[in-house]
Amino acid sequence: MSRSTRSATSAWRRKHAPIFAALGDPTRLEIVAKLGDGARRSIADITDGTGLTRQAVTKHLRVLEEARIVREHRAGRERLFELDPEPILELREFVDAMSARWDRALVRLKEMVEG
């Protein structure tokens, strides 16, 4: 692997590893699912039905914000949160590319074994 390729791969990892990490928690996945309809929601709305305190949900929202998955907006005294799907779409492109790469490798292996 060339130096520039390693550098680009390293930069990609630094950018996207926090997204994978943020999505690796079941509570944060639940929050992302609640925000998945595109509506802005308050912490009270997000907390409802989770069995968690607002403080706990706030901590999870901060992780999601740091990973660029969630954005905060102010509406008077209220803080509203909404999903930013772009980082998740970027990960999907990566997973699709890796899947295609493995599919090609498996086809080559099959051809070699059956060849």
N, C-alpha and C. Protein backbone atom coordinates (compact mmCIF):
# COMPACT_ATOMS: atom_id res chain seq x y z
N MET A 1 0.85 -1.16 0.00
CA MET A 1 0.00 0.00 0.00
C MET A 1 0.90 1.23 0.00
N SER A 2 0.60 2.16 -0.86
CA SER A 2 1.42 3.36 -0.98
C SER A 2 1.21 4.28 0.23
N ARG A 3 2.15 5.19 0.41
CA ARG A 3 2.08 6.12 1.54
C ARG A 3 0.82 7.00 1.46
N SER A 4 0.48 7.45 0.25
CA SER A 4 -0.70 8.31 0.10
C SER A 4 -1.99 7.53 0.36
N THR A 5 -2.02 6.25 -0.04
CA THR A 5 -3.18 5.42 0.21
C THR A 5 -3.35 5.18 1.71
N ARG A 6 -2.23 4.90 2.40
CA ARG A 6 -2.29 4.71 3.86
C ARG A 6 -2.77 5.98 4.54
N SER A 7 -2.29 7.12 4.08
CA SER A 7 -2.69 8.39 4.66
C SER A 7 -4.18 8.65 4.46
N ALA A 8 -4.67 8.37 3.26
CA ALA A 8 -6.09 8.56 2.97
C ALA A 8 -6.94 7.60 3.80
N THR A 9 -6.48 6.36 3.95
CA THR A 9 -7.20 5.38 4.75
C THR A 9 -7.23 5.81 6.21
N SER A 10 -6.11 6.30 6.69
CA SER A 10 -6.03 6.77 8.08
C SER A 10 -6.97 7.96 8.31
N ALA A 11 -7.01 8.88 7.36
CA ALA A 11 -7.91 10.04 7.47
C ALA A 11 -9.36 9.58 7.46
N TRP A 12 -9.68 8.60 6.62
CA TRP A 12 -11.05 8.09 6.57
C TRP A 12 -11.42 7.49 7.92
N ARG A 13 -10.50 6.71 8.50
CA ARG A 13 -10.78 6.08 9.80
C ARG A 13 -11.00 7.13 10.89
N ARG A 14 -10.15 8.16 10.91
CA ARG A 14 -10.30 9.21 11.93
C ARG A 14 -11.64 9.91 11.79
N LYS A 15 -12.09 10.10 10.56
CA LYS A 15 -13.36 10.79 10.33
C LYS A 15 -14.56 9.92 10.68
N HIS A 16 -14.50 8.64 10.35
CA HIS A 16 -15.68 7.79 10.45
C HIS A 16 -15.72 6.86 11.67
N ALA A 17 -14.62 6.62 12.32
CA ALA A 17 -14.62 5.75 13.50
C ALA A 17 -15.58 6.24 14.58
N PRO A 18 -15.65 7.56 14.85
CA PRO A 18 -16.61 8.02 15.86
C PRO A 18 -18.07 7.73 15.47
N ILE A 19 -18.35 7.68 14.20
CA ILE A 19 -19.72 7.39 13.75
C ILE A 19 -20.05 5.93 14.05
N PHE A 20 -19.13 5.02 13.69
CA PHE A 20 -19.33 3.62 14.00
C PHE A 20 -19.47 3.43 15.52
N ALA A 21 -18.61 4.09 16.28
CA ALA A 21 -18.64 3.96 17.75
C ALA A 21 -19.97 4.47 18.30
N ALA A 22 -20.42 5.61 17.80
CA ALA A 22 -21.69 6.18 18.29
C ALA A 22 -22.86 5.27 17.99
N LEU A 23 -22.85 4.65 16.84
CA LEU A 23 -23.95 3.78 16.44
C LEU A 23 -23.86 2.40 17.07
N GLY A 24 -22.75 2.12 17.75
CA GLY A 24 -22.55 0.81 18.37
C GLY A 24 -23.27 0.63 19.69
N ASP A 25 -23.95 1.66 20.15
CA ASP A 25 -24.65 1.60 21.43
C ASP A 25 -26.16 1.45 21.19
N PRO A 26 -26.82 0.49 21.83
CA PRO A 26 -28.26 0.28 21.59
C PRO A 26 -29.12 1.50 21.92
N THR A 27 -28.77 2.22 22.98
CA THR A 27 -29.56 3.41 23.34
C THR A 27 -29.44 4.47 22.27
N ARG A 28 -28.23 4.68 21.76
CA ARG A 28 -28.04 5.68 20.72
C ARG A 28 -28.74 5.26 19.43
N LEU A 29 -28.74 3.97 19.14
CA LEU A 29 -29.49 3.49 17.97
C LEU A 29 -30.99 3.77 18.13
N GLU A 30 -31.49 3.62 19.35
CA GLU A 30 -32.90 3.92 19.61
C GLU A 30 -33.19 5.41 19.40
N ILE A 31 -32.26 6.25 19.84
CA ILE A 31 -32.42 7.69 19.65
C ILE A 31 -32.41 8.02 18.16
N VAL A 32 -31.49 7.43 17.43
CA VAL A 32 -31.42 7.67 15.98
C VAL A 32 -32.72 7.21 15.32
N ALA A 33 -33.26 6.09 15.75
CA ALA A 33 -34.52 5.61 15.19
C ALA A 33 -35.66 6.59 15.47
N LYS A 34 -35.68 7.16 16.69
CA LYS A 34 -36.73 8.14 17.02
C LYS A 34 -36.62 9.38 16.15
N LEU A 35 -35.40 9.76 15.83
CA LEU A 35 -35.18 10.96 15.02
C LEU A 35 -35.24 10.66 13.52
N GLY A 36 -35.40 9.40 13.17
CA GLY A 36 -35.34 8.98 11.78
C GLY A 36 -36.45 9.51 10.89
N ASP A 37 -37.51 10.03 11.47
CA ASP A 37 -38.61 10.55 10.65
C ASP A 37 -38.35 11.98 10.19
N GLY A 38 -37.22 12.55 10.61
CA GLY A 38 -36.86 13.89 10.16
C GLY A 38 -37.38 15.02 11.04
N ALA A 39 -38.22 14.69 12.01
CA ALA A 39 -38.78 15.72 12.89
C ALA A 39 -37.75 16.13 13.95
N ARG A 40 -37.81 17.38 14.34
CA ARG A 40 -37.00 17.86 15.46
C ARG A 40 -37.72 17.49 16.74
N ARG A 41 -36.97 16.99 17.70
CA ARG A 41 -37.57 16.54 18.95
C ARG A 41 -36.83 17.12 20.15
N SER A 42 -37.57 17.38 21.20
CA SER A 42 -36.99 17.86 22.46
C SER A 42 -36.40 16.67 23.22
N ILE A 43 -35.61 16.98 24.23
CA ILE A 43 -35.05 15.91 25.06
C ILE A 43 -36.18 15.14 25.73
N ALA A 44 -37.23 15.84 26.15
CA ALA A 44 -38.38 15.16 26.78
C ALA A 44 -39.00 14.15 25.81
N ASP A 45 -39.18 14.55 24.55
CA ASP A 45 -39.74 13.64 23.54
C ASP A 45 -38.84 12.43 23.31
N ILE A 46 -37.55 12.70 23.25
CA ILE A 46 -36.59 11.62 22.99
C ILE A 46 -36.52 10.68 24.18
N THR A 47 -36.60 11.22 25.39
CA THR A 47 -36.51 10.42 26.61
C THR A 47 -37.74 9.54 26.81
N ASP A 48 -38.88 10.02 26.38
CA ASP A 48 -40.15 9.32 26.59
C ASP A 48 -40.08 7.87 26.11
N GLY A 49 -40.38 6.95 27.03
CA GLY A 49 -40.42 5.54 26.69
C GLY A 49 -39.09 4.81 26.76
N THR A 50 -38.01 5.52 27.08
CA THR A 50 -36.70 4.86 27.12
C THR A 50 -36.36 4.27 28.48
N GLY A 51 -37.01 4.80 29.54
CA GLY A 51 -36.65 4.36 30.89
C GLY A 51 -35.38 5.01 31.39
N LEU A 52 -34.87 5.99 30.64
CA LEU A 52 -33.65 6.70 31.03
C LEU A 52 -33.99 8.09 31.54
N THR A 53 -33.06 8.67 32.27
CA THR A 53 -33.22 10.05 32.71
C THR A 53 -32.88 10.99 31.57
N ARG A 54 -33.32 12.21 31.69
CA ARG A 54 -32.96 13.22 30.69
C ARG A 54 -31.44 13.42 30.63
N GLN A 55 -30.81 13.34 31.79
CA GLN A 55 -29.36 13.50 31.83
C GLN A 55 -28.65 12.40 31.04
N ALA A 56 -29.14 11.18 31.18
CA ALA A 56 -28.54 10.06 30.44
C ALA A 56 -28.75 10.25 28.94
N VAL A 57 -29.96 10.64 28.55
CA VAL A 57 -30.24 10.86 27.13
C VAL A 57 -29.40 12.01 26.60
N THR A 58 -29.22 13.05 27.40
CA THR A 58 -28.38 14.18 26.99
C THR A 58 -26.95 13.73 26.71
N LYS A 59 -26.41 12.85 27.54
CA LYS A 59 -25.06 12.33 27.31
C LYS A 59 -24.98 11.57 25.99
N HIS A 60 -26.00 10.76 25.72
CA HIS A 60 -26.03 10.03 24.45
C HIS A 60 -26.16 10.99 23.26
N LEU A 61 -26.96 12.02 23.42
CA LEU A 61 -27.10 13.02 22.35
C LEU A 61 -25.78 13.72 22.08
N ARG A 62 -25.00 13.99 23.10
CA ARG A 62 -23.69 14.65 22.92
C ARG A 62 -22.76 13.76 22.09
N VAL A 63 -22.77 12.47 22.37
CA VAL A 63 -21.95 11.54 21.58
C VAL A 63 -22.40 11.56 20.12
N LEU A 64 -23.70 11.54 19.91
CA LEU A 64 -24.23 11.58 18.54
C LEU A 64 -23.91 12.91 17.86
N GLU A 65 -23.92 13.99 18.61
CA GLU A 65 -23.54 15.30 18.05
C GLU A 65 -22.07 15.32 17.67
N GLU A 66 -21.23 14.80 18.53
CA GLU A 66 -19.78 14.77 18.24
C GLU A 66 -19.49 13.94 17.00
N ALA A 67 -20.30 12.93 16.76
CA ALA A 67 -20.15 12.09 15.58
C ALA A 67 -20.84 12.68 14.35
N ARG A 68 -21.46 13.85 14.51
CA ARG A 68 -22.14 14.58 13.44
C ARG A 68 -23.43 13.91 12.98
N ILE A 69 -23.99 13.01 13.79
CA ILE A 69 -25.19 12.30 13.42
C ILE A 69 -26.44 13.09 13.79
N VAL A 70 -26.33 13.90 14.84
CA VAL A 70 -27.45 14.67 15.36
C VAL A 70 -27.03 16.14 15.44
N ARG A 71 -27.98 17.02 15.13
CA ARG A 71 -27.75 18.47 15.26
C ARG A 71 -28.74 19.04 16.28
N GLU A 72 -28.26 20.01 17.03
CA GLU A 72 -29.09 20.69 18.02
C GLU A 72 -29.53 22.04 17.47
N HIS A 73 -30.78 22.38 17.75
CA HIS A 73 -31.34 23.69 17.38
C HIS A 73 -32.01 24.28 18.61
N ARG A 74 -31.96 25.57 18.70
CA ARG A 74 -32.63 26.27 19.80
C ARG A 74 -33.96 26.83 19.30
N ALA A 75 -34.98 26.67 20.12
CA ALA A 75 -36.29 27.25 19.86
C ALA A 75 -36.71 27.91 21.17
N GLY A 76 -36.33 29.16 21.32
CA GLY A 76 -36.56 29.83 22.60
C GLY A 76 -35.69 29.20 23.65
N ARG A 77 -36.29 28.73 24.72
CA ARG A 77 -35.54 28.08 25.80
C ARG A 77 -35.35 26.58 25.56
N GLU A 78 -36.03 26.07 24.56
CA GLU A 78 -36.01 24.64 24.31
C GLU A 78 -34.91 24.26 23.31
N ARG A 79 -34.28 23.13 23.58
CA ARG A 79 -33.31 22.58 22.64
C ARG A 79 -33.99 21.45 21.88
N LEU A 80 -33.90 21.52 20.58
CA LEU A 80 -34.48 20.50 19.72
C LEU A 80 -33.37 19.79 18.97
N PHE A 81 -33.55 18.51 18.74
CA PHE A 81 -32.53 17.71 18.07
C PHE A 81 -33.12 17.09 16.82
N GLU A 82 -32.27 17.01 15.78
CA GLU A 82 -32.69 16.36 14.54
C GLU A 82 -31.55 15.52 14.00
N LEU A 83 -31.93 14.52 13.25
CA LEU A 83 -30.97 13.60 12.64
C LEU A 83 -30.34 14.24 11.42
N ASP A 84 -29.02 14.08 11.28
CA ASP A 84 -28.33 14.43 10.04
C ASP A 84 -27.94 13.09 9.40
N PRO A 85 -28.62 12.66 8.37
CA PRO A 85 -28.38 11.33 7.82
C PRO A 85 -27.07 11.21 7.02
N GLU A 86 -26.45 12.32 6.67
CA GLU A 86 -25.27 12.28 5.80
C GLU A 86 -24.15 11.36 6.32
N PRO A 87 -23.75 11.45 7.59
CA PRO A 87 -22.69 10.54 8.04
C PRO A 87 -23.07 9.06 7.93
N ILE A 88 -24.34 8.76 8.15
CA ILE A 88 -24.79 7.37 8.04
C ILE A 88 -24.79 6.93 6.58
N LEU A 89 -25.16 7.82 5.69
CA LEU A 89 -25.12 7.51 4.25
C LEU A 89 -23.68 7.27 3.79
N GLU A 90 -22.73 8.04 4.33
CA GLU A 90 -21.32 7.83 4.00
C GLU A 90 -20.87 6.44 4.44
N LEU A 91 -21.31 6.01 5.63
CA LEU A 91 -20.96 4.67 6.10
C LEU A 91 -21.60 3.61 5.23
N ARG A 92 -22.81 3.87 4.79
CA ARG A 92 -23.48 2.90 3.92
C ARG A 92 -22.70 2.71 2.62
N GLU A 93 -22.21 3.80 2.06
CA GLU A 93 -21.40 3.70 0.84
C GLU A 93 -20.16 2.86 1.10
N PHE A 94 -19.52 3.05 2.25
CA PHE A 94 -18.34 2.28 2.60
C PHE A 94 -18.68 0.80 2.73
N VAL A 95 -19.76 0.49 3.45
CA VAL A 95 -20.15 -0.91 3.64
C VAL A 95 -20.52 -1.55 2.31
N ASP A 96 -21.22 -0.82 1.45
CA ASP A 96 -21.56 -1.34 0.13
C ASP A 96 -20.31 -1.62 -0.70
N ALA A 97 -19.33 -0.72 -0.63
CA ALA A 97 -18.08 -0.92 -1.37
C ALA A 97 -17.32 -2.13 -0.84
N MET A 98 -17.29 -2.29 0.48
CA MET A 98 -16.60 -3.45 1.06
C MET A 98 -17.33 -4.74 0.70
N SER A 99 -18.64 -4.70 0.68
CA SER A 99 -19.43 -5.87 0.32
C SER A 99 -19.14 -6.28 -1.12
N ALA A 100 -19.10 -5.31 -2.01
CA ALA A 100 -18.81 -5.59 -3.42
C ALA A 100 -17.40 -6.16 -3.57
N ARG A 101 -16.48 -5.61 -2.80
CA ARG A 101 -15.09 -6.10 -2.85
C ARG A 101 -15.02 -7.57 -2.42
N TRP A 102 -15.73 -7.93 -1.33
CA TRP A 102 -15.74 -9.31 -0.87
C TRP A 102 -16.47 -10.21 -1.85
N ASP A 103 -17.54 -9.72 -2.46
CA ASP A 103 -18.24 -10.52 -3.47
C ASP A 103 -17.31 -10.88 -4.62
N ARG A 104 -16.52 -9.89 -5.09
CA ARG A 104 -15.57 -10.16 -6.19
C ARG A 104 -14.51 -11.16 -5.75
N ALA A 105 -14.02 -11.03 -4.53
CA ALA A 105 -13.00 -11.95 -4.02
C ALA A 105 -13.56 -13.36 -3.92
N LEU A 106 -14.80 -13.49 -3.48
CA LEU A 106 -15.40 -14.82 -3.37
C LEU A 106 -15.64 -15.45 -4.74
N VAL A 107 -15.99 -14.63 -5.73
CA VAL A 107 -16.15 -15.15 -7.10
C VAL A 107 -14.81 -15.67 -7.61
N ARG A 108 -13.75 -14.90 -7.38
CA ARG A 108 -12.41 -15.35 -7.82
C ARG A 108 -12.00 -16.63 -7.11
N LEU A 109 -12.29 -16.73 -5.82
CA LEU A 109 -11.96 -17.95 -5.06
C LEU A 109 -12.73 -19.14 -5.61
N LYS A 110 -14.02 -18.94 -5.88
CA LYS A 110 -14.84 -20.02 -6.43
C LYS A 110 -14.29 -20.49 -7.77
N GLU A 111 -13.93 -19.53 -8.62
CA GLU A 111 -13.38 -19.88 -9.93
C GLU A 111 -12.08 -20.67 -9.78
N MET A 112 -11.26 -20.25 -8.83
CA MET A 112 -9.97 -20.92 -8.63
C MET A 112 -10.20 -22.34 -8.09
N VAL A 113 -11.13 -22.51 -7.15
CA VAL A 113 -11.38 -23.82 -6.55
C VAL A 113 -12.03 -24.77 -7.56
N GLU A 114 -12.97 -24.22 -8.34
CA GLU A 114 -13.68 -25.05 -9.29
C GLU A 114 -12.93 -25.20 -10.61
N GLY A 115 -12.00 -24.24 -10.85
CA GLY A 115 -11.28 -24.08 -12.08
C GLY A 115 -10.68 -25.28 -12.64
